Amino acid sequence: MSSEQELLTKWRSLPQDKQEEVLDFVEFLGLKKSANKIPLRERLQQIRTRIIASGKDLLDEDEIEKELASRRGGLQDREE
């Protein structure tokens, strides 16, 4: 059995949500490989399009700030 056939057989045995994760990972690898060839703006637009297509909500400005703050060590008071 070729590696392509083996991969397809294993992929088919996964539940639907896991199949989608595999597809996302394969897309990620493709983007990673071509990352130096595609301008950042276009790559970000592709990511945004995929998020919207998945049905997930985009973060608003406050949610982005909270996410950044949490990744930088915690929430901090903002001047408004």
N, C-alpha and C. Protein backbone atom coordinates (compact mmCIF):
# COMPACT_ATOMS: atom_id res chain seq x y z
N MET A 1 0.85 -1.17 0.00
CA MET A 1 0.00 0.00 0.00
C MET A 1 0.91 1.24 0.00
N SER A 2 0.61 2.20 -0.88
CA SER A 2 1.41 3.42 -0.94
C SER A 2 1.08 4.30 0.27
N SER A 3 1.96 5.22 0.55
CA SER A 3 1.72 6.11 1.69
C SER A 3 0.47 6.96 1.45
N GLU A 4 0.19 7.30 0.21
CA GLU A 4 -1.03 8.06 -0.10
C GLU A 4 -2.27 7.23 0.22
N GLN A 5 -2.27 5.98 -0.16
CA GLN A 5 -3.41 5.10 0.13
C GLN A 5 -3.55 4.87 1.63
N GLU A 6 -2.42 4.69 2.30
CA GLU A 6 -2.44 4.47 3.75
C GLU A 6 -3.02 5.70 4.46
N LEU A 7 -2.59 6.88 4.04
CA LEU A 7 -3.09 8.11 4.63
C LEU A 7 -4.60 8.24 4.42
N LEU A 8 -5.05 7.97 3.21
CA LEU A 8 -6.48 8.08 2.91
C LEU A 8 -7.29 7.07 3.72
N THR A 9 -6.79 5.86 3.87
CA THR A 9 -7.48 4.84 4.66
C THR A 9 -7.61 5.28 6.11
N LYS A 10 -6.52 5.79 6.67
CA LYS A 10 -6.54 6.24 8.06
C LYS A 10 -7.45 7.46 8.22
N TRP A 11 -7.40 8.38 7.25
CA TRP A 11 -8.22 9.59 7.30
C TRP A 11 -9.70 9.22 7.28
N ARG A 12 -10.08 8.27 6.45
CA ARG A 12 -11.48 7.85 6.35
C ARG A 12 -11.99 7.23 7.64
N SER A 13 -11.09 6.66 8.43
CA SER A 13 -11.51 6.02 9.68
C SER A 13 -11.74 7.01 10.81
N LEU A 14 -11.36 8.27 10.59
CA LEU A 14 -11.52 9.30 11.62
C LEU A 14 -12.93 9.87 11.63
N PRO A 15 -13.38 10.37 12.78
CA PRO A 15 -14.66 11.09 12.82
C PRO A 15 -14.54 12.39 12.00
N GLN A 16 -15.68 12.92 11.60
CA GLN A 16 -15.73 14.10 10.73
C GLN A 16 -14.91 15.27 11.27
N ASP A 17 -15.03 15.56 12.57
CA ASP A 17 -14.30 16.70 13.13
C ASP A 17 -12.79 16.51 13.05
N LYS A 18 -12.34 15.27 13.21
CA LYS A 18 -10.90 14.99 13.12
C LYS A 18 -10.43 15.05 11.67
N GLN A 19 -11.29 14.63 10.74
CA GLN A 19 -10.95 14.76 9.32
C GLN A 19 -10.72 16.23 8.97
N GLU A 20 -11.58 17.09 9.50
CA GLU A 20 -11.45 18.52 9.24
C GLU A 20 -10.15 19.07 9.84
N GLU A 21 -9.77 18.58 11.02
CA GLU A 21 -8.51 19.00 11.63
C GLU A 21 -7.33 18.61 10.75
N VAL A 22 -7.39 17.40 10.20
CA VAL A 22 -6.31 16.94 9.32
C VAL A 22 -6.22 17.85 8.09
N LEU A 23 -7.38 18.17 7.50
CA LEU A 23 -7.38 19.06 6.34
C LEU A 23 -6.82 20.43 6.69
N ASP A 24 -7.19 20.96 7.85
CA ASP A 24 -6.65 22.24 8.29
C ASP A 24 -5.13 22.17 8.44
N PHE A 25 -4.65 21.06 8.99
CA PHE A 25 -3.21 20.91 9.18
C PHE A 25 -2.49 20.84 7.84
N VAL A 26 -3.07 20.11 6.90
CA VAL A 26 -2.46 20.01 5.56
C VAL A 26 -2.42 21.39 4.90
N GLU A 27 -3.50 22.16 5.04
CA GLU A 27 -3.52 23.52 4.51
C GLU A 27 -2.44 24.37 5.17
N PHE A 28 -2.31 24.21 6.49
CA PHE A 28 -1.28 24.94 7.23
C PHE A 28 0.11 24.61 6.69
N LEU A 29 0.37 23.33 6.47
CA LEU A 29 1.68 22.94 5.94
C LEU A 29 1.91 23.55 4.56
N GLY A 30 0.86 23.58 3.74
CA GLY A 30 0.99 24.19 2.43
C GLY A 30 1.27 25.68 2.52
N LEU A 31 0.59 26.35 3.44
CA LEU A 31 0.82 27.78 3.62
C LEU A 31 2.22 28.03 4.18
N LYS A 32 2.63 27.17 5.09
CA LYS A 32 3.94 27.33 5.71
C LYS A 32 5.03 27.19 4.64
N LYS A 33 4.84 26.24 3.73
CA LYS A 33 5.81 26.00 2.66
C LYS A 33 5.88 27.21 1.73
N SER A 34 4.73 27.79 1.45
CA SER A 34 4.69 28.91 0.51
C SER A 34 4.68 30.26 1.21
N ALA A 35 4.89 30.28 2.50
CA ALA A 35 4.79 31.52 3.28
C ALA A 35 5.72 32.61 2.76
N ASN A 36 6.88 32.23 2.32
CA ASN A 36 7.83 33.23 1.85
C ASN A 36 7.49 33.74 0.45
N LYS A 37 6.57 33.08 -0.22
CA LYS A 37 6.22 33.46 -1.58
C LYS A 37 4.98 34.34 -1.63
N ILE A 38 4.13 34.26 -0.62
CA ILE A 38 2.88 35.01 -0.59
C ILE A 38 3.04 36.20 0.36
N PRO A 39 2.69 37.40 -0.08
CA PRO A 39 2.78 38.56 0.81
C PRO A 39 1.93 38.37 2.07
N LEU A 40 2.39 38.95 3.15
CA LEU A 40 1.71 38.81 4.44
C LEU A 40 0.25 39.22 4.36
N ARG A 41 -0.04 40.32 3.70
CA ARG A 41 -1.43 40.80 3.59
C ARG A 41 -2.32 39.73 2.97
N GLU A 42 -1.83 39.09 1.93
CA GLU A 42 -2.62 38.05 1.26
C GLU A 42 -2.78 36.83 2.16
N ARG A 43 -1.72 36.44 2.87
CA ARG A 43 -1.82 35.30 3.79
C ARG A 43 -2.84 35.58 4.89
N LEU A 44 -2.82 36.79 5.43
CA LEU A 44 -3.78 37.14 6.48
C LEU A 44 -5.21 37.13 5.94
N GLN A 45 -5.39 37.60 4.72
CA GLN A 45 -6.72 37.58 4.10
C GLN A 45 -7.20 36.14 3.92
N GLN A 46 -6.30 35.24 3.53
CA GLN A 46 -6.65 33.83 3.38
C GLN A 46 -7.08 33.23 4.72
N ILE A 47 -6.35 33.56 5.78
CA ILE A 47 -6.69 33.06 7.12
C ILE A 47 -8.06 33.59 7.53
N ARG A 48 -8.30 34.89 7.32
CA ARG A 48 -9.58 35.50 7.67
C ARG A 48 -10.72 34.83 6.90
N THR A 49 -10.52 34.58 5.63
CA THR A 49 -11.53 33.93 4.80
C THR A 49 -11.85 32.53 5.31
N ARG A 50 -10.81 31.78 5.71
CA ARG A 50 -11.03 30.43 6.23
C ARG A 50 -11.79 30.47 7.56
N ILE A 51 -11.47 31.44 8.42
CA ILE A 51 -12.17 31.56 9.70
C ILE A 51 -13.65 31.86 9.46
N ILE A 52 -13.93 32.80 8.59
CA ILE A 52 -15.32 33.15 8.28
C ILE A 52 -16.05 31.96 7.69
N ALA A 53 -15.40 31.25 6.77
CA ALA A 53 -16.02 30.08 6.15
C ALA A 53 -16.32 28.97 7.16
N SER A 54 -15.52 28.91 8.22
CA SER A 54 -15.72 27.88 9.25
C SER A 54 -16.92 28.18 10.14
N GLY A 55 -17.43 29.42 10.06
CA GLY A 55 -18.56 29.80 10.89
C GLY A 55 -18.17 30.40 12.23
N LYS A 56 -16.88 30.49 12.49
CA LYS A 56 -16.42 31.08 13.74
C LYS A 56 -16.50 32.60 13.64
N ASP A 57 -16.76 33.24 14.77
CA ASP A 57 -16.82 34.70 14.80
C ASP A 57 -15.41 35.27 14.88
N LEU A 58 -15.22 36.39 14.20
CA LEU A 58 -13.96 37.12 14.31
C LEU A 58 -13.95 37.89 15.63
N LEU A 59 -12.77 38.14 16.17
CA LEU A 59 -12.66 38.90 17.40
C LEU A 59 -12.87 40.38 17.12
N ASP A 60 -13.53 41.08 18.06
CA ASP A 60 -13.64 42.53 17.92
C ASP A 60 -12.39 43.15 18.56
N GLU A 61 -12.28 44.48 18.51
CA GLU A 61 -11.09 45.15 19.00
C GLU A 61 -10.80 44.87 20.48
N ASP A 62 -11.84 44.89 21.31
CA ASP A 62 -11.65 44.61 22.74
C ASP A 62 -11.18 43.17 22.97
N GLU A 63 -11.76 42.24 22.24
CA GLU A 63 -11.37 40.83 22.38
C GLU A 63 -9.92 40.63 21.93
N ILE A 64 -9.50 41.33 20.91
CA ILE A 64 -8.11 41.24 20.45
C ILE A 64 -7.17 41.76 21.53
N GLU A 65 -7.52 42.89 22.12
CA GLU A 65 -6.68 43.46 23.18
C GLU A 65 -6.59 42.53 24.38
N LYS A 66 -7.71 41.92 24.75
CA LYS A 66 -7.70 40.97 25.87
C LYS A 66 -6.84 39.76 25.55
N GLU A 67 -6.93 39.26 24.32
CA GLU A 67 -6.13 38.10 23.91
C GLU A 67 -4.65 38.45 23.95
N LEU A 68 -4.29 39.59 23.42
CA LEU A 68 -2.89 40.02 23.45
C LEU A 68 -2.39 40.18 24.87
N ALA A 69 -3.19 40.82 25.71
CA ALA A 69 -2.79 41.03 27.10
C ALA A 69 -2.60 39.70 27.82
N SER A 70 -3.49 38.76 27.59
CA SER A 70 -3.37 37.47 28.28
C SER A 70 -2.12 36.72 27.83
N ARG A 71 -1.75 36.89 26.57
CA ARG A 71 -0.54 36.22 26.06
C ARG A 71 0.73 36.93 26.52
N ARG A 72 0.59 38.17 26.93
CA ARG A 72 1.74 38.94 27.38
C ARG A 72 1.87 38.96 28.89
N GLY A 73 1.09 38.16 29.57
CA GLY A 73 1.27 38.05 31.00
C GLY A 73 0.12 38.57 31.84
N GLY A 74 -1.00 38.82 31.25
CA GLY A 74 -2.15 39.22 32.04
C GLY A 74 -2.80 40.49 31.54
N LEU A 75 -4.01 40.68 32.00
CA LEU A 75 -4.77 41.86 31.61
C LEU A 75 -4.25 43.06 32.39
N GLN A 76 -4.19 44.19 31.71
CA GLN A 76 -3.73 45.40 32.35
C GLN A 76 -4.75 46.50 32.07
N ASP A 77 -4.80 47.49 32.97
CA ASP A 77 -5.73 48.59 32.79
C ASP A 77 -5.38 49.34 31.51
N ARG A 78 -6.43 49.66 30.77
CA ARG A 78 -6.25 50.40 29.54
C ARG A 78 -6.70 51.83 29.75
N GLU A 79 -6.00 52.73 29.11
CA GLU A 79 -6.44 54.12 29.10
C GLU A 79 -7.43 54.27 27.99
N GLU A 80 -8.59 54.88 28.29
CA GLU A 80 -9.61 55.02 27.26
C GLU A 80 -9.90 56.46 27.02
